[in-house]
Amino acid sequence: MPDPSNKSIARSLGQFFGHIFHGIKADPAKRVVRKDVQTEERQTSMGKVVLRRTTVEEIELRPEAARERRGDGEGA
């Protein structure tokens, strides 16, 4: 593996613009806080079955809620 301190200018620029592009594509109104995956294997008459439960906790910021907190709602 190459030494990360000896990156070329092209690689550094690519990483820089990659971070910018990722930031543009990201939805700032939603943010995943926690993702929990539980996996369980059970033996059944038809063979082994894998049960998987995924729980995703998100924070969703809505513009109208922010306006209400600031007092910028309708009629203000």
PDB file of N, CA and C in Angstrom:
ATOM      1  N   MET A   1       0.846  -1.177   0.000  1.00  0.00           N
ATOM      2  CA  MET A   1       0.000   0.000   0.000  1.00  0.00           C
ATOM      3  C   MET A   1       0.889   1.236   0.000  1.00  0.00           C
ATOM      4  N   PRO A   2       0.577   2.221  -0.854  1.00  0.00           N
ATOM      5  CA  PRO A   2       1.399   3.419  -0.922  1.00  0.00           C
ATOM      6  C   PRO A   2       1.277   4.266   0.337  1.00  0.00           C
ATOM      7  N   ASP A   3       2.326   5.024   0.598  1.00  0.00           N
ATOM      8  CA  ASP A   3       2.355   5.912   1.758  1.00  0.00           C
ATOM      9  C   ASP A   3       1.386   7.074   1.526  1.00  0.00           C
ATOM     10  N   PRO A   4       0.392   7.297   2.428  1.00  0.00           N
ATOM     11  CA  PRO A   4      -0.599   8.347   2.200  1.00  0.00           C
ATOM     12  C   PRO A   4      -0.007   9.752   2.198  1.00  0.00           C
ATOM     13  N   SER A   5       1.162   9.952   2.792  1.00  0.00           N
ATOM     14  CA  SER A   5       1.758  11.282   2.808  1.00  0.00           C
ATOM     15  C   SER A   5       2.404  11.632   1.469  1.00  0.00           C
ATOM     16  N   ASN A   6       2.571  10.649   0.578  1.00  0.00           N
ATOM     17  CA  ASN A   6       3.183  10.886  -0.733  1.00  0.00           C
ATOM     18  C   ASN A   6       2.137  10.874  -1.844  1.00  0.00           C
ATOM     19  N   LYS A   7       0.959  11.454  -1.602  1.00  0.00           N
ATOM     20  CA  LYS A   7      -0.095  11.489  -2.614  1.00  0.00           C
ATOM     21  C   LYS A   7       0.282  12.488  -3.706  1.00  0.00           C
ATOM     22  N   SER A   8      -0.110  12.143  -4.920  1.00  0.00           N
ATOM     23  CA  SER A   8       0.141  13.067  -6.020  1.00  0.00           C
ATOM     24  C   SER A   8      -0.874  14.203  -5.963  1.00  0.00           C
ATOM     25  N   ILE A   9      -0.559  15.265  -6.685  1.00  0.00           N
ATOM     26  CA  ILE A   9      -1.464  16.414  -6.754  1.00  0.00           C
ATOM     27  C   ILE A   9      -2.793  15.996  -7.373  1.00  0.00           C
ATOM     28  N   ALA A  10      -2.754  15.143  -8.396  1.00  0.00           N
ATOM     29  CA  ALA A  10      -3.986  14.701  -9.053  1.00  0.00           C
ATOM     30  C   ALA A  10      -4.877  13.942  -8.073  1.00  0.00           C
ATOM     31  N   ARG A  11      -4.278  13.080  -7.263  1.00  0.00           N
ATOM     32  CA  ARG A  11      -5.069  12.318  -6.291  1.00  0.00           C
ATOM     33  C   ARG A  11      -5.662  13.247  -5.236  1.00  0.00           C
ATOM     34  N   SER A  12      -4.887  14.196  -4.763  1.00  0.00           N
ATOM     35  CA  SER A  12      -5.384  15.143  -3.763  1.00  0.00           C
ATOM     36  C   SER A  12      -6.540  15.972  -4.314  1.00  0.00           C
ATOM     37  N   LEU A  13      -6.414  16.433  -5.555  1.00  0.00           N
ATOM     38  CA  LEU A  13      -7.493  17.200  -6.178  1.00  0.00           C
ATOM     39  C   LEU A  13      -8.737  16.335  -6.377  1.00  0.00           C
ATOM     40  N   GLY A  14      -8.541  15.092  -6.777  1.00  0.00           N
ATOM     41  CA  GLY A  14      -9.664  14.178  -6.951  1.00  0.00           C
ATOM     42  C   GLY A  14     -10.412  13.947  -5.651  1.00  0.00           C
ATOM     43  N   GLN A  15      -9.676  13.762  -4.562  1.00  0.00           N
ATOM     44  CA  GLN A  15     -10.311  13.579  -3.261  1.00  0.00           C
ATOM     45  C   GLN A  15     -11.052  14.844  -2.831  1.00  0.00           C
ATOM     46  N   PHE A  16     -10.438  15.991  -3.072  1.00  0.00           N
ATOM     47  CA  PHE A  16     -11.053  17.263  -2.701  1.00  0.00           C
ATOM     48  C   PHE A  16     -12.388  17.450  -3.417  1.00  0.00           C
ATOM     49  N   PHE A  17     -12.377  17.289  -4.737  1.00  0.00           N
ATOM     50  CA  PHE A  17     -13.612  17.465  -5.501  1.00  0.00           C
ATOM     51  C   PHE A  17     -14.612  16.343  -5.225  1.00  0.00           C
ATOM     52  N   GLY A  18     -14.136  15.173  -4.858  1.00  0.00           N
ATOM     53  CA  GLY A  18     -15.032  14.087  -4.462  1.00  0.00           C
ATOM     54  C   GLY A  18     -15.800  14.440  -3.206  1.00  0.00           C
ATOM     55  N   HIS A  19     -15.119  15.044  -2.237  1.00  0.00           N
ATOM     56  CA  HIS A  19     -15.799  15.471  -1.007  1.00  0.00           C
ATOM     57  C   HIS A  19     -16.821  16.563  -1.303  1.00  0.00           C
ATOM     58  N   ILE A  20     -16.463  17.486  -2.168  1.00  0.00           N
ATOM     59  CA  ILE A  20     -17.393  18.560  -2.543  1.00  0.00           C
ATOM     60  C   ILE A  20     -18.624  17.964  -3.228  1.00  0.00           C
ATOM     61  N   PHE A  21     -18.407  17.042  -4.166  1.00  0.00           N
ATOM     62  CA  PHE A  21     -19.509  16.416  -4.897  1.00  0.00           C
ATOM     63  C   PHE A  21     -20.419  15.650  -3.938  1.00  0.00           C
ATOM     64  N   HIS A  22     -19.826  14.934  -2.996  1.00  0.00           N
ATOM     65  CA  HIS A  22     -20.614  14.190  -2.010  1.00  0.00           C
ATOM     66  C   HIS A  22     -21.463  15.145  -1.170  1.00  0.00           C
ATOM     67  N   GLY A  23     -20.911  16.283  -0.799  1.00  0.00           N
ATOM     68  CA  GLY A  23     -21.651  17.267  -0.024  1.00  0.00           C
ATOM     69  C   GLY A  23     -22.810  17.863  -0.799  1.00  0.00           C
ATOM     70  N   ILE A  24     -22.641  18.042  -2.090  1.00  0.00           N
ATOM     71  CA  ILE A  24     -23.721  18.578  -2.927  1.00  0.00           C
ATOM     72  C   ILE A  24     -24.846  17.565  -3.055  1.00  0.00           C
ATOM     73  N   LYS A  25     -24.495  16.296  -3.220  1.00  0.00           N
ATOM     74  CA  LYS A  25     -25.504  15.254  -3.394  1.00  0.00           C
ATOM     75  C   LYS A  25     -26.236  14.911  -2.103  1.00  0.00           C
ATOM     76  N   ALA A  26     -25.621  15.138  -0.955  1.00  0.00           N
ATOM     77  CA  ALA A  26     -26.206  14.748   0.330  1.00  0.00           C
ATOM     78  C   ALA A  26     -27.441  15.587   0.633  1.00  0.00           C
ATOM     79  N   ASP A  27     -28.416  14.968   1.285  1.00  0.00           N
ATOM     80  CA  ASP A  27     -29.628  15.660   1.694  1.00  0.00           C
ATOM     81  C   ASP A  27     -29.438  16.162   3.125  1.00  0.00           C
ATOM     82  N   PRO A  28     -29.284  17.471   3.329  1.00  0.00           N
ATOM     83  CA  PRO A  28     -29.026  17.971   4.680  1.00  0.00           C
ATOM     84  C   PRO A  28     -30.246  17.879   5.597  1.00  0.00           C
ATOM     85  N   ALA A  29     -31.424  17.625   5.024  1.00  0.00           N
ATOM     86  CA  ALA A  29     -32.635  17.548   5.838  1.00  0.00           C
ATOM     87  C   ALA A  29     -32.753  16.208   6.546  1.00  0.00           C
ATOM     88  N   LYS A  30     -32.023  15.189   6.081  1.00  0.00           N
ATOM     89  CA  LYS A  30     -32.082  13.873   6.716  1.00  0.00           C
ATOM     90  C   LYS A  30     -30.695  13.459   7.152  1.00  0.00           C
ATOM     91  N   ARG A  31     -30.635  12.887   8.333  1.00  0.00           N
ATOM     92  CA  ARG A  31     -29.356  12.420   8.848  1.00  0.00           C
ATOM     93  C   ARG A  31     -29.588  11.124   9.609  1.00  0.00           C
ATOM     94  N   VAL A  32     -28.849  10.079   9.249  1.00  0.00           N
ATOM     95  CA  VAL A  32     -28.969   8.794   9.933  1.00  0.00           C
ATOM     96  C   VAL A  32     -28.168   8.886  11.224  1.00  0.00           C
ATOM     97  N   VAL A  33     -28.850   8.656  12.341  1.00  0.00           N
ATOM     98  CA  VAL A  33     -28.211   8.741  13.643  1.00  0.00           C
ATOM     99  C   VAL A  33     -27.663   7.383  14.053  1.00  0.00           C
ATOM    100  N   ARG A  34     -28.453   6.340  13.828  1.00  0.00           N
ATOM    101  CA  ARG A  34     -28.040   5.008  14.233  1.00  0.00           C
ATOM    102  C   ARG A  34     -28.672   3.981  13.311  1.00  0.00           C
ATOM    103  N   LYS A  35     -27.907   2.959  12.976  1.00  0.00           N
ATOM    104  CA  LYS A  35     -28.404   1.850  12.176  1.00  0.00           C
ATOM    105  C   LYS A  35     -28.051   0.572  12.930  1.00  0.00           C
ATOM    106  N   ASP A  36     -29.074  -0.176  13.314  1.00  0.00           N
ATOM    107  CA  ASP A  36     -28.898  -1.376  14.116  1.00  0.00           C
ATOM    108  C   ASP A  36     -29.373  -2.580  13.302  1.00  0.00           C
ATOM    109  N   VAL A  37     -28.511  -3.582  13.132  1.00  0.00           N
ATOM    110  CA  VAL A  37     -28.854  -4.791  12.392  1.00  0.00           C
ATOM    111  C   VAL A  37     -28.755  -5.981  13.330  1.00  0.00           C
ATOM    112  N   GLN A  38     -29.853  -6.716  13.450  1.00  0.00           N
ATOM    113  CA  GLN A  38     -29.878  -7.923  14.267  1.00  0.00           C
ATOM    114  C   GLN A  38     -30.069  -9.109  13.324  1.00  0.00           C
ATOM    115  N   THR A  39     -29.214 -10.117  13.449  1.00  0.00           N
ATOM    116  CA  THR A  39     -29.269 -11.295  12.592  1.00  0.00           C
ATOM    117  C   THR A  39     -29.397 -12.534  13.458  1.00  0.00           C
ATOM    118  N   GLU A  40     -30.260 -13.423  13.011  1.00  0.00           N
ATOM    119  CA  GLU A  40     -30.478 -14.674  13.738  1.00  0.00           C
ATOM    120  C   GLU A  40     -30.663 -15.798  12.721  1.00  0.00           C
ATOM    121  N   GLU A  41     -30.020 -16.927  12.968  1.00  0.00           N
ATOM    122  CA  GLU A  41     -30.182 -18.093  12.106  1.00  0.00           C
ATOM    123  C   GLU A  41     -31.019 -19.132  12.833  1.00  0.00           C
ATOM    124  N   ARG A  42     -31.994 -19.694  12.110  1.00  0.00           N
ATOM    125  CA  ARG A  42     -32.841 -20.732  12.687  1.00  0.00           C
ATOM    126  C   ARG A  42     -32.885 -21.925  11.746  1.00  0.00           C
ATOM    127  N   GLN A  43     -32.950 -23.079  12.346  1.00  0.00           N
ATOM    128  CA  GLN A  43     -33.073 -24.312  11.579  1.00  0.00           C
ATOM    129  C   GLN A  43     -34.558 -24.651  11.461  1.00  0.00           C
ATOM    130  N   THR A  44     -35.044 -24.813  10.233  1.00  0.00           N
ATOM    131  CA  THR A  44     -36.439 -25.171  10.000  1.00  0.00           C
ATOM    132  C   THR A  44     -36.492 -26.486   9.252  1.00  0.00           C
ATOM    133  N   SER A  45     -37.695 -26.976   9.018  1.00  0.00           N
ATOM    134  CA  SER A  45     -37.855 -28.229   8.271  1.00  0.00           C
ATOM    135  C   SER A  45     -37.385 -28.075   6.825  1.00  0.00           C
ATOM    136  N   MET A  46     -37.344 -26.842   6.320  1.00  0.00           N
ATOM    137  CA  MET A  46     -36.899 -26.595   4.947  1.00  0.00           C
ATOM    138  C   MET A  46     -35.416 -26.250   4.877  1.00  0.00           C
ATOM    139  N   GLY A  47     -34.747 -26.226   6.003  1.00  0.00           N
ATOM    140  CA  GLY A  47     -33.323 -25.893   6.034  1.00  0.00           C
ATOM    141  C   GLY A  47     -33.069 -24.689   6.905  1.00  0.00           C
ATOM    142  N   LYS A  48     -31.873 -24.139   6.785  1.00  0.00           N
ATOM    143  CA  LYS A  48     -31.472 -22.996   7.606  1.00  0.00           C
ATOM    144  C   LYS A  48     -32.086 -21.708   7.031  1.00  0.00           C
ATOM    145  N   VAL A  49     -32.624 -20.884   7.936  1.00  0.00           N
ATOM    146  CA  VAL A  49     -33.234 -19.616   7.561  1.00  0.00           C
ATOM    147  C   VAL A  49     -32.522 -18.515   8.327  1.00  0.00           C
ATOM    148  N   VAL A  50     -32.211 -17.422   7.650  1.00  0.00           N
ATOM    149  CA  VAL A  50     -31.580 -16.265   8.280  1.00  0.00           C
ATOM    150  C   VAL A  50     -32.636 -15.179   8.444  1.00  0.00           C
ATOM    151  N   LEU A  51     -32.845 -14.753   9.674  1.00  0.00           N
ATOM    152  CA  LEU A  51     -33.766 -13.662   9.975  1.00  0.00           C
ATOM    153  C   LEU A  51     -32.937 -12.418  10.270  1.00  0.00           C
ATOM    154  N   ARG A  52     -33.296 -11.320   9.626  1.00  0.00           N
ATOM    155  CA  ARG A  52     -32.529 -10.089   9.798  1.00  0.00           C
ATOM    156  C   ARG A  52     -33.499  -8.934  10.029  1.00  0.00           C
ATOM    157  N   ARG A  53     -33.255  -8.161  11.079  1.00  0.00           N
ATOM    158  CA  ARG A  53     -34.062  -6.985  11.379  1.00  0.00           C
ATOM    159  C   ARG A  53     -33.132  -5.780  11.376  1.00  0.00           C
ATOM    160  N   THR A  54     -33.482  -4.782  10.567  1.00  0.00           N
ATOM    161  CA  THR A  54     -32.681  -3.566  10.468  1.00  0.00           C
ATOM    162  C   THR A  54     -33.515  -2.389  10.955  1.00  0.00           C
ATOM    163  N   THR A  55     -32.989  -1.653  11.916  1.00  0.00           N
ATOM    164  CA  THR A  55     -33.647  -0.465  12.437  1.00  0.00           C
ATOM    165  C   THR A  55     -32.767   0.735  12.112  1.00  0.00           C
ATOM    166  N   VAL A  56     -33.362   1.727  11.445  1.00  0.00           N
ATOM    167  CA  VAL A  56     -32.635   2.943  11.090  1.00  0.00           C
ATOM    168  C   VAL A  56     -33.283   4.116  11.798  1.00  0.00           C
ATOM    169  N   GLU A  57     -32.512   4.839  12.585  1.00  0.00           N
ATOM    170  CA  GLU A  57     -33.003   6.036  13.253  1.00  0.00           C
ATOM    171  C   GLU A  57     -32.467   7.248  12.499  1.00  0.00           C
ATOM    172  N   GLU A  58     -33.379   8.137  12.106  1.00  0.00           N
ATOM    173  CA  GLU A  58     -33.010   9.312  11.337  1.00  0.00           C
ATOM    174  C   GLU A  58     -33.506  10.568  12.038  1.00  0.00           C
ATOM    175  N   ILE A  59     -32.842  11.655  11.733  1.00  0.00           N
ATOM    176  CA  ILE A  59     -33.313  12.982  12.133  1.00  0.00           C
ATOM    177  C   ILE A  59     -33.705  13.692  10.844  1.00  0.00           C
ATOM    178  N   GLU A  60     -34.921  14.197  10.803  1.00  0.00           N
ATOM    179  CA  GLU A  60     -35.396  14.895   9.610  1.00  0.00           C
ATOM    180  C   GLU A  60     -35.739  16.323  10.001  1.00  0.00           C
ATOM    181  N   LEU A  61     -35.058  17.268   9.367  1.00  0.00           N
ATOM    182  CA  LEU A  61     -35.304  18.683   9.628  1.00  0.00           C
ATOM    183  C   LEU A  61     -36.238  19.216   8.563  1.00  0.00           C
ATOM    184  N   ARG A  62     -37.353  19.765   8.987  1.00  0.00           N
ATOM    185  CA  ARG A  62     -38.326  20.320   8.048  1.00  0.00           C
ATOM    186  C   ARG A  62     -38.271  21.839   8.121  1.00  0.00           C
ATOM    187  N   PRO A  63     -38.242  22.509   6.988  1.00  0.00           N
ATOM    188  CA  PRO A  63     -38.124  23.974   6.988  1.00  0.00           C
ATOM    189  C   PRO A  63     -39.244  24.662   7.760  1.00  0.00           C
ATOM    190  N   GLU A  64     -40.492  24.160   7.665  1.00  0.00           N
ATOM    191  CA  GLU A  64     -41.593  24.829   8.363  1.00  0.00           C
ATOM    192  C   GLU A  64     -41.434  24.735   9.877  1.00  0.00           C
ATOM    193  N   ALA A  65     -40.859  23.665  10.379  1.00  0.00           N
ATOM    194  CA  ALA A  65     -40.634  23.528  11.816  1.00  0.00           C
ATOM    195  C   ALA A  65     -39.579  24.539  12.283  1.00  0.00           C
ATOM    196  N   ALA A  66     -38.568  24.765  11.472  1.00  0.00           N
ATOM    197  CA  ALA A  66     -37.527  25.735  11.833  1.00  0.00           C
ATOM    198  C   ALA A  66     -38.095  27.148  11.860  1.00  0.00           C
ATOM    199  N   ARG A  67     -38.985  27.468  10.914  1.00  0.00           N
ATOM    200  CA  ARG A  67     -39.606  28.797  10.893  1.00  0.00           C
ATOM    201  C   ARG A  67     -40.477  29.015  12.128  1.00  0.00           C
ATOM    202  N   GLU A  68     -41.201  27.959  12.543  1.00  0.00           N
ATOM    203  CA  GLU A  68     -42.062  28.090  13.718  1.00  0.00           C
ATOM    204  C   GLU A  68     -41.242  28.330  14.978  1.00  0.00           C
ATOM    205  N   ARG A  69     -40.093  27.671  15.093  1.00  0.00           N
ATOM    206  CA  ARG A  69     -39.249  27.885  16.267  1.00  0.00           C
ATOM    207  C   ARG A  69     -38.703  29.298  16.322  1.00  0.00           C
ATOM    208  N   ARG A  70     -38.381  29.860  15.138  1.00  0.00           N
ATOM    209  CA  ARG A  70     -37.834  31.215  15.104  1.00  0.00           C
ATOM    210  C   ARG A  70     -38.923  32.272  15.199  1.00  0.00           C
ATOM    211  N   GLY A  71     -40.171  31.888  14.959  1.00  0.00           N
ATOM    212  CA  GLY A  71     -41.261  32.867  14.971  1.00  0.00           C
ATOM    213  C   GLY A  71     -41.469  33.508  13.621  1.00  0.00           C
ATOM    214  N   ASP A  72     -40.963  32.885  12.532  1.00  0.00           N
ATOM    215  CA  ASP A  72     -41.118  33.431  11.188  1.00  0.00           C
ATOM    216  C   ASP A  72     -42.304  32.806  10.457  1.00  0.00           C
ATOM    217  N   GLY A  73     -43.199  32.193  11.169  1.00  0.00           N
ATOM    218  CA  GLY A  73     -44.314  31.499  10.530  1.00  0.00           C
ATOM    219  C   GLY A  73     -45.269  32.471   9.867  1.00  0.00           C
ATOM    220  N   GLU A  74     -46.313  31.925   9.254  1.00  0.00           N
ATOM    221  CA  GLU A  74     -47.306  32.770   8.586  1.00  0.00           C
ATOM    222  C   GLU A  74     -47.980  33.680   9.597  1.00  0.00           C
ATOM    223  N   GLY A  75     -48.279  34.866   9.168  1.00  0.00           N
ATOM    224  CA  GLY A  75     -48.926  35.828  10.049  1.00  0.00           C
ATOM    225  C   GLY A  75     -47.953  36.602  10.924  1.00  0.00           C
ATOM    226  N   ALA A  76     -46.681  36.327  10.793  1.00  0.00           N
ATOM    227  CA  ALA A  76     -45.692  37.048  11.592  1.00  0.00           C
ATOM    228  C   ALA A  76     -45.138  38.193  10.807  1.00  0.00           C
TER     229      ALA A  76
END
